[in-house]
N, C-alpha and C. Protein backbone atom coordinates (compact mmCIF):
# COMPACT_ATOMS: atom_id res chain seq x y z
N MET A 1 95.57 -183.45 43.89
CA MET A 1 95.56 -184.51 45.10
C MET A 1 96.36 -185.81 44.68
N ALA A 2 97.09 -186.30 45.70
CA ALA A 2 97.99 -187.75 45.13
C ALA A 2 96.84 -188.72 45.39
N THR A 3 97.47 -189.93 44.65
CA THR A 3 96.58 -191.02 44.63
C THR A 3 96.21 -191.57 45.93
N GLU A 4 95.13 -192.21 46.22
CA GLU A 4 94.62 -192.34 47.63
C GLU A 4 95.35 -193.71 47.83
N ILE A 5 96.01 -193.97 48.84
CA ILE A 5 96.47 -195.50 49.12
C ILE A 5 95.70 -196.42 49.68
N LEU A 6 95.27 -196.14 50.92
CA LEU A 6 94.21 -197.21 51.57
C LEU A 6 92.89 -197.11 50.70
N LEU A 7 92.36 -198.09 50.25
CA LEU A 7 91.02 -198.17 49.46
C LEU A 7 89.89 -198.78 50.26
N ASN A 8 90.36 -200.04 51.10
CA ASN A 8 89.29 -200.55 52.05
C ASN A 8 90.09 -201.67 52.84
N ASP A 9 89.63 -201.42 54.03
CA ASP A 9 90.20 -202.57 54.96
C ASP A 9 89.18 -203.66 54.86
N GLY A 10 87.77 -203.40 54.37
CA GLY A 10 86.98 -204.59 54.41
C GLY A 10 86.75 -205.11 55.69
N GLY A 11 86.89 -204.44 56.75
CA GLY A 11 86.57 -204.93 58.13
C GLY A 11 87.74 -206.00 58.50
N ALA A 12 88.81 -205.93 57.71
CA ALA A 12 90.03 -207.05 57.92
C ALA A 12 90.78 -206.48 59.19
N PRO A 13 91.56 -207.16 59.49
CA PRO A 13 92.16 -206.82 61.01
C PRO A 13 93.47 -205.76 60.58
N ALA A 14 93.02 -204.99 59.70
CA ALA A 14 94.13 -204.03 59.16
C ALA A 14 94.39 -203.13 60.45
N ARG A 15 95.84 -202.48 60.90
CA ARG A 15 95.89 -201.51 61.72
C ARG A 15 96.81 -200.38 61.07
N ILE A 16 96.82 -199.37 61.30
CA ILE A 16 97.70 -198.31 60.92
C ILE A 16 98.59 -197.90 62.12
N MET A 17 99.91 -198.29 61.78
CA MET A 17 100.72 -198.06 63.17
C MET A 17 101.85 -197.20 62.66
N ASN A 18 102.30 -196.50 63.66
CA ASN A 18 103.70 -195.94 63.61
C ASN A 18 104.82 -196.69 64.40
N LEU A 19 105.53 -197.38 63.47
CA LEU A 19 106.56 -198.76 64.14
C LEU A 19 107.98 -198.23 64.26
N GLY A 20 108.12 -196.62 63.92
CA GLY A 20 109.34 -196.15 63.98
C GLY A 20 109.48 -194.92 63.20
N LEU A 21 110.77 -194.39 63.05
CA LEU A 21 111.02 -193.25 62.29
C LEU A 21 111.37 -193.74 61.28
N ALA A 22 111.43 -192.82 60.21
CA ALA A 22 112.17 -192.97 59.02
C ALA A 22 113.48 -192.44 58.87
N ASN A 23 114.08 -193.66 58.29
CA ASN A 23 115.41 -193.46 57.90
C ASN A 23 116.08 -192.35 57.06
N ALA A 24 115.07 -192.32 56.01
CA ALA A 24 115.28 -191.48 54.82
C ALA A 24 113.76 -191.25 54.56
N ALA A 25 113.72 -189.90 53.90
CA ALA A 25 112.38 -189.81 52.91
C ALA A 25 111.75 -191.21 52.22
N ILE A 26 110.36 -191.67 52.53
CA ILE A 26 109.93 -192.65 51.99
C ILE A 26 108.39 -192.33 51.16
N GLU A 27 108.28 -192.30 50.15
CA GLU A 27 106.80 -192.22 49.63
C GLU A 27 106.05 -193.24 49.99
N ALA A 28 104.61 -192.64 50.29
CA ALA A 28 103.41 -193.60 50.47
C ALA A 28 103.27 -194.31 49.43
N GLY A 29 102.88 -195.69 49.58
CA GLY A 29 102.46 -196.62 48.61
C GLY A 29 103.41 -197.76 48.53
N MET A 30 104.72 -197.33 49.42
CA MET A 30 105.72 -198.47 49.07
C MET A 30 105.60 -199.52 50.22
N PHE A 31 106.32 -200.65 50.14
CA PHE A 31 106.32 -201.28 51.20
C PHE A 31 107.70 -201.06 51.87
N VAL A 32 107.68 -201.27 53.07
CA VAL A 32 108.67 -201.06 54.05
C VAL A 32 109.10 -202.15 54.96
N GLU A 33 110.32 -201.85 55.74
CA GLU A 33 110.91 -202.93 56.63
C GLU A 33 111.60 -202.11 57.56
N ILE A 34 111.81 -202.85 58.58
CA ILE A 34 112.44 -202.12 59.62
C ILE A 34 114.01 -202.48 59.36
N ASN A 35 115.17 -201.60 59.65
CA ASN A 35 116.53 -202.07 59.89
C ASN A 35 117.14 -202.36 61.24
N SER A 36 118.38 -202.74 61.27
CA SER A 36 118.61 -203.22 62.33
C SER A 36 119.12 -202.20 63.41
N SER A 37 118.90 -200.79 63.02
CA SER A 37 118.77 -199.74 64.12
C SER A 37 117.61 -199.38 64.45
N GLY A 38 116.38 -200.06 64.20
CA GLY A 38 115.31 -199.61 64.40
C GLY A 38 114.20 -198.70 63.54
N LEU A 39 114.98 -198.21 62.48
CA LEU A 39 114.48 -197.24 61.68
C LEU A 39 113.61 -197.87 60.30
N ILE A 40 112.63 -197.14 60.04
CA ILE A 40 111.98 -197.72 58.84
C ILE A 40 112.39 -197.28 57.59
N ILE A 41 112.66 -198.24 56.54
CA ILE A 41 113.21 -198.09 54.94
C ILE A 41 112.33 -198.68 54.27
N ALA A 42 112.48 -198.13 53.08
CA ALA A 42 111.93 -199.07 52.02
C ALA A 42 112.46 -200.43 51.79
N ASP A 43 111.31 -201.42 51.62
CA ASP A 43 111.81 -202.81 51.70
C ASP A 43 112.86 -203.03 50.32
N SER A 44 113.89 -203.44 50.93
CA SER A 44 115.00 -203.64 49.58
C SER A 44 115.30 -205.10 49.44
N ASP A 45 114.36 -205.99 49.88
CA ASP A 45 114.65 -207.58 49.96
C ASP A 45 114.05 -207.74 48.24
N ASP A 46 114.58 -208.04 47.26
CA ASP A 46 114.21 -208.05 46.15
C ASP A 46 113.76 -209.58 46.06
N GLN A 47 112.48 -209.74 46.12
CA GLN A 47 111.82 -211.07 46.09
C GLN A 47 111.89 -212.04 45.05
N GLU A 48 112.21 -211.40 43.96
CA GLU A 48 112.73 -212.29 42.64
C GLU A 48 113.96 -212.54 42.69
N ALA A 49 114.78 -212.28 43.52
CA ALA A 49 116.47 -212.56 43.59
C ALA A 49 116.49 -214.01 44.11
N SER A 50 117.34 -214.64 43.53
CA SER A 50 117.20 -216.14 44.09
C SER A 50 117.62 -216.35 45.79
N SER A 51 118.18 -215.12 46.13
CA SER A 51 118.96 -215.32 47.59
C SER A 51 117.85 -214.80 48.50
N SER A 52 116.78 -214.32 47.96
CA SER A 52 115.74 -213.41 48.83
C SER A 52 115.02 -214.41 49.82
N GLY A 53 114.70 -215.79 49.41
CA GLY A 53 114.11 -216.62 50.35
C GLY A 53 112.63 -216.12 50.62
N GLN A 54 111.83 -216.20 51.90
CA GLN A 54 110.93 -215.94 51.97
C GLN A 54 110.53 -214.59 53.01
N LYS A 55 111.61 -213.60 52.69
CA LYS A 55 111.42 -212.37 53.65
C LYS A 55 110.26 -211.75 53.85
N THR A 56 110.03 -211.09 54.77
CA THR A 56 108.53 -210.34 54.81
C THR A 56 108.76 -208.80 54.90
N SER A 57 107.68 -208.22 54.65
CA SER A 57 107.59 -206.63 54.84
C SER A 57 106.77 -206.27 56.00
N LEU A 58 107.09 -205.08 56.44
CA LEU A 58 106.20 -204.59 57.71
C LEU A 58 104.76 -204.17 57.10
N GLY A 59 104.66 -203.73 55.83
CA GLY A 59 103.47 -203.34 55.53
C GLY A 59 103.45 -202.41 54.33
N VAL A 60 102.62 -201.44 54.19
CA VAL A 60 102.79 -200.35 53.27
C VAL A 60 102.67 -198.90 53.78
N LEU A 61 103.39 -198.05 53.50
CA LEU A 61 103.44 -196.80 54.04
C LEU A 61 102.05 -196.07 53.43
N LEU A 62 101.36 -195.50 54.58
CA LEU A 62 100.08 -194.82 53.98
C LEU A 62 100.40 -193.18 53.70
N VAL A 63 101.02 -192.56 54.43
CA VAL A 63 101.44 -191.35 53.65
C VAL A 63 103.20 -191.07 53.77
N ASP A 64 103.42 -190.18 52.90
CA ASP A 64 104.89 -189.86 52.93
C ASP A 64 105.48 -189.68 54.11
N ALA A 65 106.81 -190.15 54.17
CA ALA A 65 107.43 -190.08 55.60
C ALA A 65 108.64 -189.25 55.28
N ALA A 66 108.92 -188.19 56.21
CA ALA A 66 110.16 -187.50 55.93
C ALA A 66 111.30 -188.13 56.78
N SER A 67 112.47 -187.96 56.38
CA SER A 67 113.63 -188.62 56.84
C SER A 67 113.58 -188.10 58.57
N SER A 68 113.74 -188.94 59.33
CA SER A 68 113.69 -188.89 60.79
C SER A 68 112.27 -188.80 61.33
N GLY A 69 111.44 -188.55 60.41
CA GLY A 69 109.89 -188.21 60.87
C GLY A 69 109.19 -189.64 61.17
N PRO A 70 107.98 -189.49 61.63
CA PRO A 70 107.06 -190.50 61.96
C PRO A 70 106.57 -191.48 60.88
N THR A 71 106.22 -192.71 60.89
CA THR A 71 105.71 -193.50 59.65
C THR A 71 104.14 -193.67 60.22
N SER A 72 103.47 -193.99 59.25
CA SER A 72 102.15 -194.51 59.44
C SER A 72 102.13 -195.71 58.39
N ILE A 73 101.89 -196.90 58.75
CA ILE A 73 102.43 -198.26 58.14
C ILE A 73 100.94 -198.84 58.18
N ILE A 74 100.51 -199.26 57.10
CA ILE A 74 99.39 -200.19 57.10
C ILE A 74 99.80 -201.70 57.26
N THR A 75 99.37 -202.25 58.30
CA THR A 75 99.54 -203.54 58.39
C THR A 75 98.42 -204.54 58.45
N GLY A 76 98.52 -205.80 58.23
CA GLY A 76 97.50 -206.52 58.10
C GLY A 76 97.27 -207.40 56.71
N LYS A 77 96.29 -208.32 56.77
CA LYS A 77 95.95 -209.07 55.58
C LYS A 77 94.51 -208.68 55.26
N GLY A 78 94.02 -208.97 54.15
CA GLY A 78 92.81 -208.62 53.49
C GLY A 78 92.63 -206.86 53.41
N VAL A 79 93.63 -206.16 53.21
CA VAL A 79 93.52 -204.81 52.99
C VAL A 79 93.45 -204.83 51.40
N VAL A 80 92.79 -203.65 51.02
CA VAL A 80 92.91 -203.16 49.55
C VAL A 80 93.64 -201.88 49.28
N CYS A 81 95.00 -201.71 48.90
CA CYS A 81 95.55 -200.55 48.77
C CYS A 81 96.09 -200.29 47.14
N ASN A 82 96.10 -199.06 46.94
CA ASN A 82 97.04 -198.49 45.73
C ASN A 82 98.54 -198.77 46.38
N VAL A 83 99.18 -199.32 45.80
CA VAL A 83 100.72 -199.49 46.09
C VAL A 83 101.74 -199.26 44.63
N GLN A 84 102.51 -198.60 45.05
CA GLN A 84 103.46 -198.11 44.10
C GLN A 84 104.24 -199.61 43.03
N ALA A 85 104.21 -199.47 41.99
CA ALA A 85 104.43 -200.49 41.12
C ALA A 85 105.86 -200.27 40.43
N ALA A 86 106.67 -201.51 40.19
CA ALA A 86 107.87 -201.18 39.42
C ALA A 86 107.84 -201.17 38.05
N GLU A 87 106.73 -201.74 37.63
CA GLU A 87 106.46 -201.82 36.16
C GLU A 87 105.20 -202.07 35.75
N ALA A 88 104.66 -202.02 34.53
CA ALA A 88 103.01 -202.46 34.49
C ALA A 88 102.80 -203.87 34.60
N ILE A 89 101.52 -203.86 35.38
CA ILE A 89 101.27 -205.01 35.91
C ILE A 89 99.77 -205.20 35.45
N THR A 90 99.46 -206.60 35.15
CA THR A 90 97.88 -206.99 34.50
C THR A 90 97.19 -207.63 35.71
N CYS A 91 96.02 -207.35 35.70
CA CYS A 91 95.21 -207.89 36.77
C CYS A 91 95.23 -209.26 36.84
N GLY A 92 95.15 -209.83 38.21
CA GLY A 92 95.47 -211.25 38.55
C GLY A 92 97.08 -211.80 38.88
N HIS A 93 97.51 -210.78 38.35
CA HIS A 93 99.08 -211.40 38.92
C HIS A 93 99.49 -211.44 40.34
N GLU A 94 100.28 -212.21 40.69
CA GLU A 94 100.62 -212.32 42.22
C GLU A 94 101.76 -211.30 42.17
N LEU A 95 102.05 -210.87 43.17
CA LEU A 95 102.86 -209.65 43.26
C LEU A 95 104.09 -209.84 44.48
N THR A 96 105.07 -209.57 44.28
CA THR A 96 106.32 -209.60 45.16
C THR A 96 106.99 -208.30 45.08
N VAL A 97 107.89 -207.89 46.08
CA VAL A 97 108.39 -206.76 46.28
C VAL A 97 109.67 -206.68 45.58
N ASP A 98 110.21 -205.69 44.87
CA ASP A 98 111.48 -205.76 44.05
C ASP A 98 112.54 -204.95 45.11
N ASN A 99 113.60 -204.67 45.04
CA ASN A 99 114.60 -203.89 45.78
C ASN A 99 114.59 -202.40 46.09
N ALA A 100 113.38 -201.89 45.77
CA ALA A 100 113.13 -200.61 46.13
C ALA A 100 111.80 -200.24 46.87
N GLY A 101 111.04 -201.48 47.10
CA GLY A 101 109.86 -201.28 48.12
C GLY A 101 108.76 -201.40 47.18
N LYS A 102 108.63 -201.39 45.55
CA LYS A 102 107.64 -201.37 44.76
C LYS A 102 107.37 -202.86 44.54
N VAL A 103 106.13 -203.09 44.04
CA VAL A 103 105.92 -204.46 43.80
C VAL A 103 105.97 -204.61 41.99
N GLU A 104 106.31 -205.80 41.91
CA GLU A 104 106.51 -206.49 40.59
C GLU A 104 105.73 -207.55 40.60
N PRO A 105 105.34 -208.04 39.20
CA PRO A 105 104.71 -209.51 39.30
C PRO A 105 105.61 -210.50 39.38
N THR A 106 105.38 -211.83 40.09
CA THR A 106 106.21 -212.81 40.29
C THR A 106 106.07 -213.69 39.52
N VAL A 107 107.29 -214.28 39.28
CA VAL A 107 107.50 -215.55 37.88
C VAL A 107 107.46 -216.71 38.64
N ASP A 108 107.59 -216.80 39.90
CA ASP A 108 107.81 -218.11 40.56
C ASP A 108 107.34 -217.99 42.11
N ALA A 109 106.19 -217.87 42.28
CA ALA A 109 105.34 -217.98 43.44
C ALA A 109 105.83 -219.07 44.62
N ASP A 110 106.24 -220.17 44.12
CA ASP A 110 106.80 -221.20 44.97
C ASP A 110 108.03 -221.03 45.57
N ALA A 111 108.79 -219.95 45.01
CA ALA A 111 110.25 -219.76 45.42
C ALA A 111 110.19 -218.17 46.34
N HIS A 112 109.20 -217.54 46.15
CA HIS A 112 109.25 -215.95 46.24
C HIS A 112 108.06 -215.81 47.25
N ARG A 113 108.21 -214.90 48.23
CA ARG A 113 106.88 -214.60 48.88
C ARG A 113 106.13 -213.65 48.33
N VAL A 114 104.94 -214.11 48.16
CA VAL A 114 103.84 -213.33 47.58
C VAL A 114 103.24 -212.35 48.55
N VAL A 115 103.29 -210.64 48.48
CA VAL A 115 102.67 -209.95 49.11
C VAL A 115 101.34 -209.49 48.81
N GLY A 116 100.69 -209.63 47.64
CA GLY A 116 99.64 -209.32 47.37
C GLY A 116 99.04 -209.66 45.97
N LYS A 117 98.02 -209.66 45.47
CA LYS A 117 97.50 -209.95 44.03
C LYS A 117 96.72 -208.56 43.42
N ALA A 118 97.21 -208.50 42.23
CA ALA A 118 96.75 -207.41 41.51
C ALA A 118 95.09 -207.53 41.17
N LEU A 119 94.36 -206.63 41.59
CA LEU A 119 92.83 -206.38 41.47
C LEU A 119 92.49 -205.73 40.07
N ALA A 120 93.48 -205.06 39.65
CA ALA A 120 93.26 -204.49 38.47
C ALA A 120 94.52 -204.45 37.60
N ALA A 121 94.71 -203.71 36.44
CA ALA A 121 95.78 -203.32 35.60
C ALA A 121 96.45 -202.17 36.39
N SER A 122 97.88 -201.88 36.45
CA SER A 122 98.32 -200.85 37.05
C SER A 122 97.88 -199.47 36.18
N PHE A 123 98.06 -198.47 36.75
CA PHE A 123 97.53 -197.14 36.07
C PHE A 123 98.72 -195.92 36.67
N ASN A 124 98.88 -194.80 35.95
CA ASN A 124 99.62 -193.71 36.54
C ASN A 124 98.74 -193.07 37.34
N GLY A 125 99.35 -192.74 38.34
CA GLY A 125 98.72 -191.81 39.18
C GLY A 125 99.64 -190.83 39.73
N THR A 126 99.42 -189.94 40.70
CA THR A 126 100.18 -188.71 41.45
C THR A 126 100.81 -189.04 42.76
N ASP A 127 101.86 -188.94 42.78
CA ASP A 127 102.39 -188.91 44.29
C ASP A 127 101.95 -187.75 44.90
N SER A 128 102.60 -187.43 46.28
CA SER A 128 102.10 -186.30 46.92
C SER A 128 103.00 -185.27 46.59
N GLY A 129 104.16 -185.64 45.56
CA GLY A 129 104.96 -184.24 44.99
C GLY A 129 104.63 -183.88 43.64
N GLY A 130 103.22 -184.55 43.34
CA GLY A 130 102.67 -184.43 42.06
C GLY A 130 103.47 -184.74 40.76
N ASN A 131 104.28 -185.98 41.09
CA ASN A 131 104.92 -186.55 40.10
C ASN A 131 103.98 -187.84 39.50
N THR A 132 104.34 -188.21 38.38
CA THR A 132 103.37 -189.36 37.75
C THR A 132 104.15 -190.87 38.35
N THR A 133 103.27 -191.45 38.71
CA THR A 133 104.05 -192.72 39.48
C THR A 133 102.98 -193.82 39.16
N VAL A 134 103.59 -195.07 38.90
CA VAL A 134 102.75 -196.25 38.62
C VAL A 134 102.29 -197.04 39.87
N PHE A 135 101.00 -197.22 39.86
CA PHE A 135 100.35 -197.84 40.75
C PHE A 135 99.63 -198.79 40.47
N VAL A 136 99.40 -199.85 41.31
CA VAL A 136 98.43 -201.05 41.01
C VAL A 136 97.09 -201.15 42.40
N LYS A 137 96.22 -201.45 41.91
CA LYS A 137 95.19 -202.01 42.97
C LYS A 137 95.42 -203.10 43.51
N ALA A 138 95.81 -203.51 44.76
CA ALA A 138 96.23 -205.01 45.36
C ALA A 138 95.55 -205.34 46.52
N LEU A 139 95.23 -206.33 46.48
CA LEU A 139 94.60 -207.09 48.05
C LEU A 139 96.16 -207.47 48.29
N ILE A 140 96.36 -207.15 49.89
CA ILE A 140 97.23 -207.50 50.58
C ILE A 140 97.48 -209.07 51.29
N ILE A 141 98.14 -209.87 50.89
CA ILE A 141 98.00 -211.02 51.32
C ILE A 141 99.06 -211.67 52.32
């Protein structure tokens, strides 16, 4: 079984919504955004890059999306999810999104948009394809 993505919405105003079709196959646990054609893509705005500013994501993909298929996106704040991580992360780190839709620890929260807070150290989980993937339990903020 793949790693569970949505852990607890805690009564938060979270919604799971289909906001469009996937531009390409996207794995669950990735942060996503919408492109100029109205298709859902993995968030590619590297928040640690100096030119990224304060760009936002739509949310976290709940289940894998096939190319041209519907998407189930977890939106809202105060939601606890297992999200895909680009690298090992320790508990307590503020998280930003890299250029592939995965989270990474931020080094400068004043200049970059924080999307979450690590509630535990990262761990190796399994994606729906049975591949080992790094995840981190995060509070989406």
